[in-house]
Amino acid sequence: MNDRIESIRHADGVVELHLARADKMNALDPAMFEALIDAGSRLRDDAVVRAVVLAGRGKAFCAGLDMQSFQRMGQGGAGEVLGSGAAADILARTHGIANVAQQVALVWREVPVPVIAAVHGVAFGGGLQVALGADVRLVAPDTKLSVMEIKWGLVPDMGGMVLMRELARTDVVRELTFTGRIFSGEEAVTLGFATRLAADPLADALRMAHEIAQKSPDAIRAAKRLLNAAMGHSAAELLLAESVEQKTLIGSPNQTEAVRANLEGRTPRFA
């Protein structure tokens, strides 16, 4: 990772990731794009991690694309927003079905354990889309959020169209996309963009992450695979996937330990 991301690893497998460009409200520049994708990719291949908390240092979660990038756009240099080389071509599928910018949000779905976004201050444009890529969003009531791309003559292009459709009604997504209006953390819960309110999102996110870390890691990872598959599979395919995951879990060491620990009234000791 580079100076854009601060990582803290806890003994129980919980990992904190903090966007660390506080002086710019954690705005997204090529280095931040690279750092977020690198952090997510490392966690995707980490067999020890149990849960991830994604947060921002300073006054905001993420204010979206940084002003220098917009200035380059205004001068006709849109290609420089994502860096140089192949990454600058937004039509290039550099990460499976996604380009670089889309992978910044979608990589959190590829991390095999729950990712909890602790959102405060602002989450505008691309910053909101990064939060939407998490499995759970805990949001301070006074947070300001916006699908802000229309302000700059753009559309959401960091996976937002895929992520928003599973969280809110289509008319709600359309209204927010067309207007770019700012809405509060309280309204975000009502609309479906936030899981719940938290006076201290980071503290609550860490409590949730440590709670998840005490559950069977095999079952947690299986549950995330199934939840990821839910949007793109038919009912028949998803039912079969449930059965496949459950057959693998039943009788496995960690599942057996979960049963024994509950019956014996003790804390489980998972491998």
C-alpha atoms as a PDB file:
ATOM      1  CA  MET A   1       0.000   0.000   0.000  1.00  0.00           C
ATOM      2  CA  ASN A   2       1.024   3.646  -0.265  1.00  0.00           C
ATOM      3  CA  ASP A   3       0.433   6.719   1.867  1.00  0.00           C
ATOM      4  CA  ARG A   4      -3.230   6.878   0.810  1.00  0.00           C
ATOM      5  CA  ILE A   5      -4.334   3.932   3.005  1.00  0.00           C
ATOM      6  CA  GLU A   6      -3.583   3.151   6.646  1.00  0.00           C
ATOM      7  CA  SER A   7      -4.049  -0.471   7.690  1.00  0.00           C
ATOM      8  CA  ILE A   8      -4.488  -1.770  11.243  1.00  0.00           C
ATOM      9  CA  ARG A   9      -4.687  -5.514  11.892  1.00  0.00           C
ATOM     10  CA  HIS A  10      -6.233  -6.851  15.105  1.00  0.00           C
ATOM     11  CA  ALA A  11      -5.301 -10.157  16.732  1.00  0.00           C
ATOM     12  CA  ASP A  12      -8.693 -11.743  15.976  1.00  0.00           C
ATOM     13  CA  GLY A  13      -8.425 -11.180  12.227  1.00  0.00           C
ATOM     14  CA  VAL A  14     -10.279  -7.856  12.051  1.00  0.00           C
ATOM     15  CA  VAL A  15      -8.607  -5.385   9.682  1.00  0.00           C
ATOM     16  CA  GLU A  16      -9.189  -1.632   9.722  1.00  0.00           C
ATOM     17  CA  LEU A  17      -8.555   0.275   6.504  1.00  0.00           C
ATOM     18  CA  HIS A  18      -8.540   4.068   6.719  1.00  0.00           C
ATOM     19  CA  LEU A  19      -8.488   6.386   3.734  1.00  0.00           C
ATOM     20  CA  ALA A  20      -5.629   8.616   4.852  1.00  0.00           C
ATOM     21  CA  ARG A  21      -5.793  11.766   2.765  1.00  0.00           C
ATOM     22  CA  ALA A  22      -7.494  13.775   5.468  1.00  0.00           C
ATOM     23  CA  ASP A  23      -6.289  17.165   4.225  1.00  0.00           C
ATOM     24  CA  LYS A  24      -8.251  16.551   0.989  1.00  0.00           C
ATOM     25  CA  MET A  25     -11.260  14.922   2.704  1.00  0.00           C
ATOM     26  CA  ASN A  26      -9.933  11.613   1.362  1.00  0.00           C
ATOM     27  CA  ALA A  27     -10.711  12.631  -2.217  1.00  0.00           C
ATOM     28  CA  LEU A  28      -9.993  10.105  -4.947  1.00  0.00           C
ATOM     29  CA  ASP A  29      -6.920  10.603  -7.131  1.00  0.00           C
ATOM     30  CA  PRO A  30      -4.944   8.012  -9.136  1.00  0.00           C
ATOM     31  CA  ALA A  31      -2.870   7.114  -6.061  1.00  0.00           C
ATOM     32  CA  MET A  32      -6.030   6.565  -3.989  1.00  0.00           C
ATOM     33  CA  PHE A  33      -7.554   4.418  -6.726  1.00  0.00           C
ATOM     34  CA  GLU A  34      -4.410   2.297  -6.777  1.00  0.00           C
ATOM     35  CA  ALA A  35      -4.194   2.048  -2.987  1.00  0.00           C
ATOM     36  CA  LEU A  36      -7.826   0.968  -2.542  1.00  0.00           C
ATOM     37  CA  ILE A  37      -7.610  -1.698  -5.233  1.00  0.00           C
ATOM     38  CA  ASP A  38      -4.310  -2.956  -3.828  1.00  0.00           C
ATOM     39  CA  ALA A  39      -5.726  -3.127  -0.296  1.00  0.00           C
ATOM     40  CA  GLY A  40      -8.834  -4.985  -1.443  1.00  0.00           C
ATOM     41  CA  SER A  41      -6.787  -7.390  -3.577  1.00  0.00           C
ATOM     42  CA  ARG A  42      -4.502  -8.245  -0.666  1.00  0.00           C
ATOM     43  CA  LEU A  43      -7.478  -8.946   1.592  1.00  0.00           C
ATOM     44  CA  ARG A  44      -9.152 -11.005  -1.119  1.00  0.00           C
ATOM     45  CA  ASP A  45      -6.250 -13.457  -0.912  1.00  0.00           C
ATOM     46  CA  ASP A  46      -5.836 -13.300   2.893  1.00  0.00           C
ATOM     47  CA  ALA A  47      -6.824 -16.580   4.554  1.00  0.00           C
ATOM     48  CA  VAL A  48      -6.561 -15.112   8.068  1.00  0.00           C
ATOM     49  CA  VAL A  49      -8.789 -12.025   7.816  1.00  0.00           C
ATOM     50  CA  ARG A  50     -12.216 -12.409   9.470  1.00  0.00           C
ATOM     51  CA  ALA A  51     -13.840  -8.985   8.879  1.00  0.00           C
ATOM     52  CA  VAL A  52     -12.879  -5.594   7.429  1.00  0.00           C
ATOM     53  CA  VAL A  53     -13.786  -2.062   8.530  1.00  0.00           C
ATOM     54  CA  LEU A  54     -13.454   0.644   5.865  1.00  0.00           C
ATOM     55  CA  ALA A  55     -13.317   4.225   7.164  1.00  0.00           C
ATOM     56  CA  GLY A  56     -11.888   7.666   6.465  1.00  0.00           C
ATOM     57  CA  ARG A  57      -9.482   9.764   8.511  1.00  0.00           C
ATOM     58  CA  GLY A  58     -10.310  13.344   9.355  1.00  0.00           C
ATOM     59  CA  LYS A  59     -13.589  15.104   8.691  1.00  0.00           C
ATOM     60  CA  ALA A  60     -14.990  12.848   5.967  1.00  0.00           C
ATOM     61  CA  PHE A  61     -15.315   9.332   4.656  1.00  0.00           C
ATOM     62  CA  CYS A  62     -14.606  10.413   1.071  1.00  0.00           C
ATOM     63  CA  ALA A  63     -15.489  13.577  -0.837  1.00  0.00           C
ATOM     64  CA  GLY A  64     -15.335  11.868  -4.236  1.00  0.00           C
ATOM     65  CA  LEU A  65     -13.022  12.653  -7.134  1.00  0.00           C
ATOM     66  CA  ASP A  66     -10.453  15.310  -6.278  1.00  0.00           C
ATOM     67  CA  MET A  67     -10.613  18.807  -7.750  1.00  0.00           C
ATOM     68  CA  GLN A  68      -7.404  18.440  -9.754  1.00  0.00           C
ATOM     69  CA  SER A  69      -8.996  15.562 -11.651  1.00  0.00           C
ATOM     70  CA  PHE A  70     -12.029  17.697 -12.470  1.00  0.00           C
ATOM     71  CA  GLN A  71      -9.719  20.501 -13.607  1.00  0.00           C
ATOM     72  CA  ARG A  72      -7.982  18.112 -15.981  1.00  0.00           C
ATOM     73  CA  MET A  73     -11.388  17.074 -17.312  1.00  0.00           C
ATOM     74  CA  GLY A  74     -12.249  20.713 -17.918  1.00  0.00           C
ATOM     75  CA  GLN A  75      -9.073  21.008 -19.954  1.00  0.00           C
ATOM     76  CA  GLY A  76      -9.888  17.907 -21.996  1.00  0.00           C
ATOM     77  CA  GLY A  77      -7.525  15.608 -20.112  1.00  0.00           C
ATOM     78  CA  ALA A  78     -10.018  13.034 -18.846  1.00  0.00           C
ATOM     79  CA  GLY A  79      -7.617  10.207 -19.534  1.00  0.00           C
ATOM     80  CA  GLU A  80      -5.317  11.367 -16.742  1.00  0.00           C
ATOM     81  CA  VAL A  81      -7.977  10.897 -14.051  1.00  0.00           C
ATOM     82  CA  LEU A  82      -7.225   7.179 -13.705  1.00  0.00           C
ATOM     83  CA  GLY A  83      -3.505   7.462 -14.261  1.00  0.00           C
ATOM     84  CA  SER A  84      -1.531   6.550 -17.352  1.00  0.00           C
ATOM     85  CA  GLY A  85      -1.337   3.582 -19.707  1.00  0.00           C
ATOM     86  CA  ALA A  86      -4.101   0.999 -20.048  1.00  0.00           C
ATOM     87  CA  ALA A  87      -5.745   2.185 -16.831  1.00  0.00           C
ATOM     88  CA  ALA A  88      -6.609   5.495 -18.491  1.00  0.00           C
ATOM     89  CA  ASP A  89      -8.959   3.793 -20.981  1.00  0.00           C
ATOM     90  CA  ILE A  90     -12.269   3.475 -19.160  1.00  0.00           C
ATOM     91  CA  LEU A  91     -13.531   1.036 -21.793  1.00  0.00           C
ATOM     92  CA  ALA A  92     -10.722  -1.400 -20.988  1.00  0.00           C
ATOM     93  CA  ARG A  93     -11.884  -4.232 -18.717  1.00  0.00           C
ATOM     94  CA  THR A  94      -8.776  -4.323 -16.562  1.00  0.00           C
ATOM     95  CA  HIS A  95     -10.324  -6.300 -13.672  1.00  0.00           C
ATOM     96  CA  GLY A  96     -12.601  -9.023 -15.020  1.00  0.00           C
ATOM     97  CA  ILE A  97     -15.865  -7.291 -15.923  1.00  0.00           C
ATOM     98  CA  ALA A  98     -14.732  -3.914 -14.501  1.00  0.00           C
ATOM     99  CA  ASN A  99     -12.378  -1.067 -15.295  1.00  0.00           C
ATOM    100  CA  VAL A 100     -10.033   0.522 -12.762  1.00  0.00           C
ATOM    101  CA  ALA A 101     -12.547   3.011 -11.361  1.00  0.00           C
ATOM    102  CA  GLN A 102     -15.286   0.383 -11.037  1.00  0.00           C
ATOM    103  CA  GLN A 103     -12.910  -2.003  -9.288  1.00  0.00           C
ATOM    104  CA  VAL A 104     -12.316   0.577  -6.543  1.00  0.00           C
ATOM    105  CA  ALA A 105     -15.899  -0.067  -5.370  1.00  0.00           C
ATOM    106  CA  LEU A 106     -16.450  -3.628  -6.567  1.00  0.00           C
ATOM    107  CA  VAL A 107     -13.265  -5.082  -5.035  1.00  0.00           C
ATOM    108  CA  TRP A 108     -14.963  -5.059  -1.608  1.00  0.00           C
ATOM    109  CA  ARG A 109     -17.483  -7.590  -2.892  1.00  0.00           C
ATOM    110  CA  GLU A 110     -14.555  -9.815  -3.876  1.00  0.00           C
ATOM    111  CA  VAL A 111     -13.078  -9.711  -0.373  1.00  0.00           C
ATOM    112  CA  PRO A 112     -14.386 -13.061   0.981  1.00  0.00           C
ATOM    113  CA  VAL A 113     -15.381 -11.721   4.418  1.00  0.00           C
ATOM    114  CA  PRO A 114     -17.815  -8.983   5.491  1.00  0.00           C
ATOM    115  CA  VAL A 115     -16.700  -5.417   4.770  1.00  0.00           C
ATOM    116  CA  ILE A 116     -18.294  -2.755   6.997  1.00  0.00           C
ATOM    117  CA  ALA A 117     -18.115   0.887   5.919  1.00  0.00           C
ATOM    118  CA  ALA A 118     -18.044   3.450   8.743  1.00  0.00           C
ATOM    119  CA  VAL A 119     -19.301   6.615   7.062  1.00  0.00           C
ATOM    120  CA  HIS A 120     -19.105  10.122   8.508  1.00  0.00           C
ATOM    121  CA  GLY A 121     -18.781  13.677   7.256  1.00  0.00           C
ATOM    122  CA  VAL A 122     -19.429  13.361   3.547  1.00  0.00           C
ATOM    123  CA  ALA A 123     -19.692  10.557   0.991  1.00  0.00           C
ATOM    124  CA  PHE A 124     -20.049  12.242  -2.382  1.00  0.00           C
ATOM    125  CA  GLY A 125     -19.959  10.741  -5.866  1.00  0.00           C
ATOM    126  CA  GLY A 126     -17.202   8.167  -6.033  1.00  0.00           C
ATOM    127  CA  GLY A 127     -16.919   8.226  -2.249  1.00  0.00           C
ATOM    128  CA  LEU A 128     -20.524   7.089  -1.967  1.00  0.00           C
ATOM    129  CA  GLN A 129     -19.902   4.337  -4.502  1.00  0.00           C
ATOM    130  CA  VAL A 130     -16.930   3.049  -2.496  1.00  0.00           C
ATOM    131  CA  ALA A 131     -19.203   2.843   0.554  1.00  0.00           C
ATOM    132  CA  LEU A 132     -21.901   1.078  -1.482  1.00  0.00           C
ATOM    133  CA  GLY A 133     -19.383  -1.622  -2.359  1.00  0.00           C
ATOM    134  CA  ALA A 134     -19.216  -2.637   1.302  1.00  0.00           C
ATOM    135  CA  ASP A 135     -21.567  -5.274   2.698  1.00  0.00           C
ATOM    136  CA  VAL A 136     -22.826  -3.017   5.513  1.00  0.00           C
ATOM    137  CA  ARG A 137     -22.851   0.760   5.944  1.00  0.00           C
ATOM    138  CA  LEU A 138     -23.017   2.380   9.408  1.00  0.00           C
ATOM    139  CA  VAL A 139     -23.618   6.096   8.906  1.00  0.00           C
ATOM    140  CA  ALA A 140     -23.590   9.078  11.255  1.00  0.00           C
ATOM    141  CA  PRO A 141     -26.956  10.901  11.222  1.00  0.00           C
ATOM    142  CA  ASP A 142     -25.463  14.194  10.033  1.00  0.00           C
ATOM    143  CA  THR A 143     -23.445  12.653   7.210  1.00  0.00           C
ATOM    144  CA  LYS A 144     -23.998  14.293   3.831  1.00  0.00           C
ATOM    145  CA  LEU A 145     -24.301  11.911   0.875  1.00  0.00           C
ATOM    146  CA  SER A 146     -24.883  12.478  -2.821  1.00  0.00           C
ATOM    147  CA  VAL A 147     -24.903  10.721  -6.176  1.00  0.00           C
ATOM    148  CA  MET A 148     -23.093  13.844  -7.280  1.00  0.00           C
ATOM    149  CA  GLU A 149     -21.778  12.975 -10.739  1.00  0.00           C
ATOM    150  CA  ILE A 150     -24.509  14.936 -12.561  1.00  0.00           C
ATOM    151  CA  LYS A 151     -23.101  18.160 -11.063  1.00  0.00           C
ATOM    152  CA  TRP A 152     -20.011  17.594 -13.179  1.00  0.00           C
ATOM    153  CA  GLY A 153     -21.872  16.485 -16.302  1.00  0.00           C
ATOM    154  CA  LEU A 154     -21.198  12.805 -15.616  1.00  0.00           C
ATOM    155  CA  VAL A 155     -22.987   9.594 -14.646  1.00  0.00           C
ATOM    156  CA  PRO A 156     -22.060   7.257 -11.756  1.00  0.00           C
ATOM    157  CA  ASP A 157     -19.233   5.170 -13.195  1.00  0.00           C
ATOM    158  CA  MET A 158     -17.624   3.330 -10.286  1.00  0.00           C
ATOM    159  CA  GLY A 159     -20.066   0.437 -10.213  1.00  0.00           C
ATOM    160  CA  GLY A 160     -22.820   2.641  -8.836  1.00  0.00           C
ATOM    161  CA  MET A 161     -25.470   1.491 -11.270  1.00  0.00           C
ATOM    162  CA  VAL A 162     -24.907  -2.132 -10.265  1.00  0.00           C
ATOM    163  CA  LEU A 163     -24.666  -1.394  -6.548  1.00  0.00           C
ATOM    164  CA  MET A 164     -27.572   1.058  -6.236  1.00  0.00           C
ATOM    165  CA  ARG A 165     -30.094  -1.198  -7.951  1.00  0.00           C
ATOM    166  CA  GLU A 166     -29.860  -3.779  -5.160  1.00  0.00           C
ATOM    167  CA  LEU A 167     -30.348  -1.219  -2.385  1.00  0.00           C
ATOM    168  CA  ALA A 168     -33.156   1.111  -3.458  1.00  0.00           C
ATOM    169  CA  ARG A 169     -36.223   1.325  -5.688  1.00  0.00           C
ATOM    170  CA  THR A 170     -35.464   2.301  -9.266  1.00  0.00           C
ATOM    171  CA  ASP A 171     -37.362   5.600  -8.980  1.00  0.00           C
ATOM    172  CA  VAL A 172     -35.271   6.534  -5.933  1.00  0.00           C
ATOM    173  CA  VAL A 173     -32.048   5.724  -7.800  1.00  0.00           C
ATOM    174  CA  ARG A 174     -33.241   7.743 -10.780  1.00  0.00           C
ATOM    175  CA  GLU A 175     -34.208  10.768  -8.682  1.00  0.00           C
ATOM    176  CA  LEU A 176     -30.870  10.866  -6.870  1.00  0.00           C
ATOM    177  CA  THR A 177     -28.930  10.300 -10.091  1.00  0.00           C
ATOM    178  CA  PHE A 178     -30.834  12.965 -12.048  1.00  0.00           C
ATOM    179  CA  THR A 179     -30.729  15.657  -9.332  1.00  0.00           C
ATOM    180  CA  GLY A 180     -27.447  14.966  -7.529  1.00  0.00           C
ATOM    181  CA  ARG A 181     -29.068  16.371  -4.402  1.00  0.00           C
ATOM    182  CA  ILE A 182     -27.428  15.997  -1.010  1.00  0.00           C
ATOM    183  CA  PHE A 183     -29.241  13.841   1.540  1.00  0.00           C
ATOM    184  CA  SER A 184     -28.555  13.077   5.199  1.00  0.00           C
ATOM    185  CA  GLY A 185     -27.511   9.884   6.930  1.00  0.00           C
ATOM    186  CA  GLU A 186     -31.026   9.641   8.363  1.00  0.00           C
ATOM    187  CA  GLU A 187     -32.572   9.790   4.893  1.00  0.00           C
ATOM    188  CA  ALA A 188     -29.969   7.329   3.601  1.00  0.00           C
ATOM    189  CA  VAL A 189     -31.365   4.704   5.975  1.00  0.00           C
ATOM    190  CA  THR A 190     -34.917   5.404   4.782  1.00  0.00           C
ATOM    191  CA  LEU A 191     -33.882   5.198   1.125  1.00  0.00           C
ATOM    192  CA  GLY A 192     -31.863   2.000   1.594  1.00  0.00           C
ATOM    193  CA  PHE A 193     -28.358   3.388   1.087  1.00  0.00           C
ATOM    194  CA  ALA A 194     -27.355   2.987   4.753  1.00  0.00           C
ATOM    195  CA  THR A 195     -27.796  -0.081   6.932  1.00  0.00           C
ATOM    196  CA  ARG A 196     -28.365   1.886  10.123  1.00  0.00           C
ATOM    197  CA  LEU A 197     -27.398   5.072  11.925  1.00  0.00           C
ATOM    198  CA  ALA A 198     -24.514   5.221  14.383  1.00  0.00           C
ATOM    199  CA  ALA A 199     -23.447   8.127  16.563  1.00  0.00           C
ATOM    200  CA  ASP A 200     -19.895   6.791  16.274  1.00  0.00           C
ATOM    201  CA  PRO A 201     -19.765   4.759  13.038  1.00  0.00           C
ATOM    202  CA  LEU A 202     -16.168   3.587  13.477  1.00  0.00           C
ATOM    203  CA  ALA A 203     -16.690   2.311  17.027  1.00  0.00           C
ATOM    204  CA  ASP A 204     -19.911   0.533  16.044  1.00  0.00           C
ATOM    205  CA  ALA A 205     -18.288  -0.925  12.926  1.00  0.00           C
ATOM    206  CA  LEU A 206     -15.403  -2.301  14.962  1.00  0.00           C
ATOM    207  CA  ARG A 207     -17.802  -3.841  17.484  1.00  0.00           C
ATOM    208  CA  MET A 208     -19.682  -5.531  14.658  1.00  0.00           C
ATOM    209  CA  ALA A 209     -16.449  -6.708  13.025  1.00  0.00           C
ATOM    210  CA  HIS A 210     -15.163  -8.236  16.277  1.00  0.00           C
ATOM    211  CA  GLU A 211     -18.523  -9.954  16.771  1.00  0.00           C
ATOM    212  CA  ILE A 212     -18.339 -11.426  13.258  1.00  0.00           C
ATOM    213  CA  ALA A 213     -14.767 -12.536  13.938  1.00  0.00           C
ATOM    214  CA  GLN A 214     -16.088 -14.815  16.703  1.00  0.00           C
ATOM    215  CA  LYS A 215     -18.298 -16.738  14.234  1.00  0.00           C
ATOM    216  CA  SER A 216     -17.208 -19.702  12.140  1.00  0.00           C
ATOM    217  CA  PRO A 217     -15.024 -18.260   9.364  1.00  0.00           C
ATOM    218  CA  ASP A 218     -16.117 -21.037   7.013  1.00  0.00           C
ATOM    219  CA  ALA A 219     -19.795 -20.177   7.453  1.00  0.00           C
ATOM    220  CA  ILE A 220     -19.168 -16.433   7.162  1.00  0.00           C
ATOM    221  CA  ARG A 221     -17.300 -16.845   3.882  1.00  0.00           C
ATOM    222  CA  ALA A 222     -19.945 -19.235   2.544  1.00  0.00           C
ATOM    223  CA  ALA A 223     -22.679 -16.741   3.437  1.00  0.00           C
ATOM    224  CA  LYS A 224     -20.901 -13.942   1.565  1.00  0.00           C
ATOM    225  CA  ARG A 225     -20.483 -16.134  -1.519  1.00  0.00           C
ATOM    226  CA  LEU A 226     -24.220 -16.852  -1.503  1.00  0.00           C
ATOM    227  CA  LEU A 227     -25.189 -13.225  -0.946  1.00  0.00           C
ATOM    228  CA  ASN A 228     -22.905 -12.123  -3.786  1.00  0.00           C
ATOM    229  CA  ALA A 229     -24.514 -14.711  -6.054  1.00  0.00           C
ATOM    230  CA  ALA A 230     -28.075 -13.679  -5.199  1.00  0.00           C
ATOM    231  CA  MET A 231     -28.316 -10.833  -7.721  1.00  0.00           C
ATOM    232  CA  GLY A 232     -27.047 -12.733 -10.735  1.00  0.00           C
ATOM    233  CA  HIS A 233     -28.574 -16.175 -10.279  1.00  0.00           C
ATOM    234  CA  SER A 234     -32.014 -17.619 -10.826  1.00  0.00           C
ATOM    235  CA  ALA A 235     -33.949 -19.046  -7.886  1.00  0.00           C
ATOM    236  CA  ALA A 236     -33.048 -22.580  -8.965  1.00  0.00           C
ATOM    237  CA  GLU A 237     -29.336 -21.747  -9.245  1.00  0.00           C
ATOM    238  CA  LEU A 238     -29.292 -20.003  -5.881  1.00  0.00           C
ATOM    239  CA  LEU A 239     -31.132 -22.840  -4.124  1.00  0.00           C
ATOM    240  CA  LEU A 240     -28.603 -25.317  -5.461  1.00  0.00           C
ATOM    241  CA  ALA A 241     -25.743 -23.036  -4.392  1.00  0.00           C
ATOM    242  CA  GLU A 242     -27.213 -22.933  -0.864  1.00  0.00           C
ATOM    243  CA  SER A 243     -27.252 -26.704  -0.753  1.00  0.00           C
ATOM    244  CA  VAL A 244     -23.683 -27.002  -2.031  1.00  0.00           C
ATOM    245  CA  GLU A 245     -22.384 -24.588   0.607  1.00  0.00           C
ATOM    246  CA  GLN A 246     -24.358 -26.263   3.385  1.00  0.00           C
ATOM    247  CA  LYS A 247     -23.180 -29.751   2.420  1.00  0.00           C
ATOM    248  CA  THR A 248     -19.591 -28.541   2.651  1.00  0.00           C
ATOM    249  CA  LEU A 249     -20.167 -26.946   6.070  1.00  0.00           C
ATOM    250  CA  ILE A 250     -22.088 -29.738   7.812  1.00  0.00           C
ATOM    251  CA  GLY A 251     -19.711 -31.896   9.790  1.00  0.00           C
ATOM    252  CA  SER A 252     -16.656 -29.755   9.032  1.00  0.00           C
ATOM    253  CA  PRO A 253     -14.304 -29.007  11.957  1.00  0.00           C
ATOM    254  CA  ASN A 254     -15.448 -25.417  12.420  1.00  0.00           C
ATOM    255  CA  GLN A 255     -19.128 -26.309  12.155  1.00  0.00           C
ATOM    256  CA  THR A 256     -18.701 -29.090  14.694  1.00  0.00           C
ATOM    257  CA  GLU A 257     -16.855 -26.670  16.988  1.00  0.00           C
ATOM    258  CA  ALA A 258     -19.702 -24.150  16.699  1.00  0.00           C
ATOM    259  CA  VAL A 259     -22.200 -26.788  17.846  1.00  0.00           C
ATOM    260  CA  ARG A 260     -20.045 -28.025  20.718  1.00  0.00           C
ATOM    261  CA  ALA A 261     -19.249 -24.523  21.959  1.00  0.00           C
ATOM    262  CA  ASN A 262     -22.928 -23.577  22.034  1.00  0.00           C
ATOM    263  CA  LEU A 263     -23.922 -26.773  23.811  1.00  0.00           C
ATOM    264  CA  GLU A 264     -21.114 -26.371  26.336  1.00  0.00           C
ATOM    265  CA  GLY A 265     -21.742 -22.659  26.891  1.00  0.00           C
ATOM    266  CA  ARG A 266     -18.209 -21.554  25.991  1.00  0.00           C
ATOM    267  CA  THR A 267     -16.460 -19.371  23.430  1.00  0.00           C
ATOM    268  CA  PRO A 268     -15.747 -21.315  20.227  1.00  0.00           C
ATOM    269  CA  ARG A 269     -12.158 -21.940  19.131  1.00  0.00           C
ATOM    270  CA  PHE A 270     -12.236 -21.871  15.338  1.00  0.00           C
ATOM    271  CA  ALA A 271      -9.393 -22.918  13.093  1.00  0.00           C
END
